[in-house]
Amino acid sequence: AIRGQRYRSRHIVSKPERGGFACSGDLLQTRACESEMPEPCTFSVWESWSICSARCGEGTQWRSRSIHQMSEDGGRQCHGNLHEIQACHVWHDDCDPHVKHDCELGEWHPW
């Protein structure tokens, strides 16, 4: 719980006229309170980048993160990507620019 302040206010509905009495009393009051603060949504840290999809030449690599905690009590929603993809380049002495490599799919991730 967070210690804080609660406020309440009021306003003057009508001002005194023709000798009427002025208003007396506070227009603003505060009171100490304890309250649950809204919890914002938070992301986990990014996983490491995957290895490059190419054995030689241009490929892609990716990384992921998840929602660490959903927002609660009206907290800020998460905004941002859960996955990122970027280009990568692999080149070493065994790379022959004339040899073709077929696409290869990995295993399915769980639902």
Foldseek 3Di string as FASTA:
>chain_A
DDKDKDKDFDDDPDADDDPDDGDDDDRMDMDIDDDDDKAEWAKDDKDDWDPFQDPAFKGKIKIFIGTPDAIPPPHHGDDDDGMDMDMDGDHDPPDDVVDDDDHDDDDDDDD
